[in-house]
C-alpha atoms as a PDB file:
ATOM      1  CA  MET A   1      93.740 -79.665  -7.408  1.00  0.00           C
ATOM      2  CA  SER A   2      96.331 -78.794  -5.026  1.00  0.00           C
ATOM      3  CA  LYS A   3      98.699 -81.467  -4.105  1.00  0.00           C
ATOM      4  CA  ALA A   4      98.131 -81.260  -0.727  1.00  0.00           C
ATOM      5  CA  LEU A   5      94.284 -82.038  -1.528  1.00  0.00           C
ATOM      6  CA  GLN A   6      95.174 -84.585  -4.059  1.00  0.00           C
ATOM      7  CA  GLU A   7      97.215 -86.335  -1.280  1.00  0.00           C
ATOM      8  CA  THR A   8      94.217 -85.858   0.856  1.00  0.00           C
ATOM      9  CA  VAL A   9      91.956 -87.700  -1.584  1.00  0.00           C
ATOM     10  CA  ALA A  10      94.303 -90.372  -2.018  1.00  0.00           C
ATOM     11  CA  LEU A  11      93.930 -90.785   2.134  1.00  0.00           C
ATOM     12  CA  LEU A  12      90.469 -91.034   2.090  1.00  0.00           C
ATOM     13  CA  PRO A  13      89.049 -94.443   3.160  1.00  0.00           C
ATOM     14  CA  ALA A  14      85.999 -95.828   0.994  1.00  0.00           C
ATOM     15  CA  GLU A  15      83.671 -94.070   2.351  1.00  0.00           C
ATOM     16  CA  PRO A  16      81.772 -90.802   1.588  1.00  0.00           C
ATOM     17  CA  CYS A  17      83.445 -87.317   1.695  1.00  0.00           C
ATOM     18  CA  CYS A  18      81.061 -85.451   2.597  1.00  0.00           C
ATOM     19  CA  PRO A  19      77.487 -85.390   4.744  1.00  0.00           C
ATOM     20  CA  SER A  20      74.241 -84.363   2.779  1.00  0.00           C
ATOM     21  CA  LEU A  21      73.891 -80.824   1.874  1.00  0.00           C
ATOM     22  CA  THR A  22      71.049 -80.782   3.743  1.00  0.00           C
ATOM     23  CA  GLU A  23      72.746 -82.108   6.838  1.00  0.00           C
ATOM     24  CA  ARG A  24      75.263 -79.492   7.516  1.00  0.00           C
ATOM     25  CA  GLU A  25      77.399 -76.360   5.678  1.00  0.00           C
ATOM     26  CA  LEU A  26      80.735 -78.168   4.190  1.00  0.00           C
ATOM     27  CA  THR A  27      84.217 -77.619   5.445  1.00  0.00           C
ATOM     28  CA  VAL A  28      85.821 -75.705   2.769  1.00  0.00           C
ATOM     29  CA  GLN A  29      87.842 -78.760   2.164  1.00  0.00           C
ATOM     30  CA  GLU A  30      84.807 -80.561   1.934  1.00  0.00           C
ATOM     31  CA  ALA A  31      83.327 -78.200  -0.785  1.00  0.00           C
ATOM     32  CA  GLU A  32      86.933 -78.114  -2.620  1.00  0.00           C
ATOM     33  CA  LEU A  33      87.029 -81.961  -2.886  1.00  0.00           C
ATOM     34  CA  THR A  34      83.262 -81.833  -3.915  1.00  0.00           C
ATOM     35  CA  ALA A  35      83.732 -79.087  -5.699  1.00  0.00           C
ATOM     36  CA  ALA A  36      87.163 -80.778  -7.775  1.00  0.00           C
ATOM     37  CA  MET A  37      84.701 -83.905  -8.758  1.00  0.00           C
ATOM     38  CA  PHE A  38      81.956 -81.998  -9.983  1.00  0.00           C
ATOM     39  CA  LYS A  39      84.160 -79.697 -12.084  1.00  0.00           C
ATOM     40  CA  ALA A  40      85.841 -83.041 -13.501  1.00  0.00           C
ATOM     41  CA  LEU A  41      82.490 -84.565 -14.576  1.00  0.00           C
ATOM     42  CA  GLY A  42      81.186 -81.317 -15.588  1.00  0.00           C
ATOM     43  CA  ASP A  43      82.990 -81.846 -19.137  1.00  0.00           C
ATOM     44  CA  PRO A  44      81.182 -84.482 -21.430  1.00  0.00           C
ATOM     45  CA  VAL A  45      84.289 -86.133 -22.471  1.00  0.00           C
ATOM     46  CA  ARG A  46      85.042 -87.032 -19.173  1.00  0.00           C
ATOM     47  CA  LEU A  47      81.417 -88.272 -17.959  1.00  0.00           C
ATOM     48  CA  ARG A  48      81.347 -90.553 -20.705  1.00  0.00           C
ATOM     49  CA  LEU A  49      84.602 -91.851 -19.903  1.00  0.00           C
ATOM     50  CA  PHE A  50      83.978 -92.470 -16.129  1.00  0.00           C
ATOM     51  CA  SER A  51      80.502 -93.578 -16.992  1.00  0.00           C
ATOM     52  CA  LYS A  52      82.268 -96.500 -19.618  1.00  0.00           C
ATOM     53  CA  VAL A  53      84.298 -97.119 -16.657  1.00  0.00           C
ATOM     54  CA  ALA A  54      81.487 -97.580 -14.024  1.00  0.00           C
ATOM     55  CA  SER A  55      79.538 -99.266 -15.808  1.00  0.00           C
ATOM     56  CA  HIS A  56      82.029-102.000 -17.102  1.00  0.00           C
ATOM     57  CA  PRO A  57      82.003-105.278 -15.605  1.00  0.00           C
ATOM     58  CA  ASP A  58      84.272-105.430 -12.273  1.00  0.00           C
ATOM     59  CA  SER A  59      83.918-101.459 -12.784  1.00  0.00           C
ATOM     60  CA  GLU A  60      87.046-101.901 -14.386  1.00  0.00           C
ATOM     61  CA  ALA A  61      88.339-101.229 -17.975  1.00  0.00           C
ATOM     62  CA  CYS A  62      91.442-101.235 -19.938  1.00  0.00           C
ATOM     63  CA  VAL A  63      92.243 -97.974 -21.677  1.00  0.00           C
ATOM     64  CA  CYS A  64      91.352 -99.336 -24.722  1.00  0.00           C
ATOM     65  CA  ASP A  65      88.013-100.552 -24.250  1.00  0.00           C
ATOM     66  CA  ILE A  66      86.676 -97.053 -23.666  1.00  0.00           C
ATOM     67  CA  SER A  67      88.633 -94.923 -26.063  1.00  0.00           C
ATOM     68  CA  ASP A  68      85.646 -94.576 -28.457  1.00  0.00           C
ATOM     69  CA  VAL A  69      84.575 -91.024 -27.520  1.00  0.00           C
ATOM     70  CA  GLY A  70      85.186 -89.312 -30.383  1.00  0.00           C
ATOM     71  CA  VAL A  71      88.504 -87.827 -29.670  1.00  0.00           C
ATOM     72  CA  SER A  72      92.186 -88.272 -30.200  1.00  0.00           C
ATOM     73  CA  GLN A  73      94.053 -90.543 -27.757  1.00  0.00           C
ATOM     74  CA  PRO A  74      95.974 -87.662 -26.049  1.00  0.00           C
ATOM     75  CA  THR A  75      93.091 -86.184 -25.486  1.00  0.00           C
ATOM     76  CA  ILE A  76      91.646 -89.071 -23.740  1.00  0.00           C
ATOM     77  CA  SER A  77      94.705 -89.267 -21.432  1.00  0.00           C
ATOM     78  CA  HIS A  78      94.305 -85.917 -20.141  1.00  0.00           C
ATOM     79  CA  HIS A  79      90.371 -86.828 -19.079  1.00  0.00           C
ATOM     80  CA  LEU A  80      91.621 -89.736 -17.767  1.00  0.00           C
ATOM     81  CA  LYS A  81      94.352 -87.871 -15.938  1.00  0.00           C
ATOM     82  CA  LYS A  82      91.307 -84.875 -14.763  1.00  0.00           C
ATOM     83  CA  LEU A  83      89.474 -87.568 -13.479  1.00  0.00           C
ATOM     84  CA  LYS A  84      92.290 -89.421 -11.585  1.00  0.00           C
ATOM     85  CA  GLU A  85      93.238 -85.819 -10.443  1.00  0.00           C
ATOM     86  CA  ALA A  86      89.998 -85.738  -8.791  1.00  0.00           C
ATOM     87  CA  GLY A  87      89.804 -89.040  -6.920  1.00  0.00           C
ATOM     88  CA  LEU A  88      87.427 -90.432  -9.308  1.00  0.00           C
ATOM     89  CA  LEU A  89      89.108 -93.134 -10.557  1.00  0.00           C
ATOM     90  CA  THR A  90      92.496 -94.907  -9.790  1.00  0.00           C
ATOM     91  CA  SER A  91      94.631 -96.911 -12.286  1.00  0.00           C
ATOM     92  CA  GLU A  92      96.886 -99.558 -12.479  1.00  0.00           C
ATOM     93  CA  ARG A  93      99.496-100.191 -15.517  1.00  0.00           C
ATOM     94  CA  ARG A  94      99.514-103.930 -16.332  1.00  0.00           C
ATOM     95  CA  GLY A  95     101.642-104.442 -19.601  1.00  0.00           C
ATOM     96  CA  THR A  96     101.328-102.026 -22.253  1.00  0.00           C
ATOM     97  CA  TRP A  97      97.429-101.407 -21.093  1.00  0.00           C
ATOM     98  CA  VAL A  98      96.015 -98.955 -17.998  1.00  0.00           C
ATOM     99  CA  TYR A  99      93.343-100.305 -16.495  1.00  0.00           C
ATOM    100  CA  TYR A 100      91.016 -97.816 -14.646  1.00  0.00           C
ATOM    101  CA  ARG A 101      88.528 -98.312 -11.618  1.00  0.00           C
ATOM    102  CA  VAL A 102      86.312 -96.001  -9.942  1.00  0.00           C
ATOM    103  CA  ALA A 103      87.722 -95.437  -6.927  1.00  0.00           C
ATOM    104  CA  PRO A 104      85.866 -96.710  -4.179  1.00  0.00           C
ATOM    105  CA  SER A 105      82.243 -96.103  -2.706  1.00  0.00           C
ATOM    106  CA  VAL A 106      82.920 -92.483  -5.477  1.00  0.00           C
ATOM    107  CA  VAL A 107      79.387 -92.839  -6.704  1.00  0.00           C
ATOM    108  CA  ALA A 108      77.439 -94.058  -3.858  1.00  0.00           C
ATOM    109  CA  ALA A 109      79.336 -91.229  -2.229  1.00  0.00           C
ATOM    110  CA  MET A 110      78.339 -88.213  -4.755  1.00  0.00           C
ATOM    111  CA  GLY A 111      75.088 -89.502  -4.898  1.00  0.00           C
ATOM    112  CA  GLN A 112      74.534 -89.492  -0.850  1.00  0.00           C
ATOM    113  CA  MET A 113      75.908 -86.176  -0.500  1.00  0.00           C
ATOM    114  CA  LEU A 114      72.978 -84.856  -3.068  1.00  0.00           C
ATOM    115  CA  THR A 115      70.184 -86.869  -1.003  1.00  0.00           C
ATOM    116  CA  LEU A 116      67.961 -84.894   0.306  1.00  0.00           C
ATOM    117  CA  LYS A 117      67.014 -85.764   4.038  1.00  0.00           C
END
């Protein structure tokens, strides 16, 4: 994802990024943003990590709680970085651990986009 698109993702309010696919055609920016999100989730390890964070109490998890996905720690860090770059996760360092949280309303927004009206 380009730096400009990353900055746009960071500024988005906690509401759907894009309309339902049946509502109207997506703009170029909406399509790029949505494609980046779905591309990030297109990897099985990333999808599992995202699921672990999303299903964890308070939709927040320490990296130490989600690292059992069958790959090395550097690979986990790489995948978590990709999820953050796509705007799907946010993170906060607390002492030596990093805590990940699902970005506000992202799951509902992606679901709404795929809803047929």
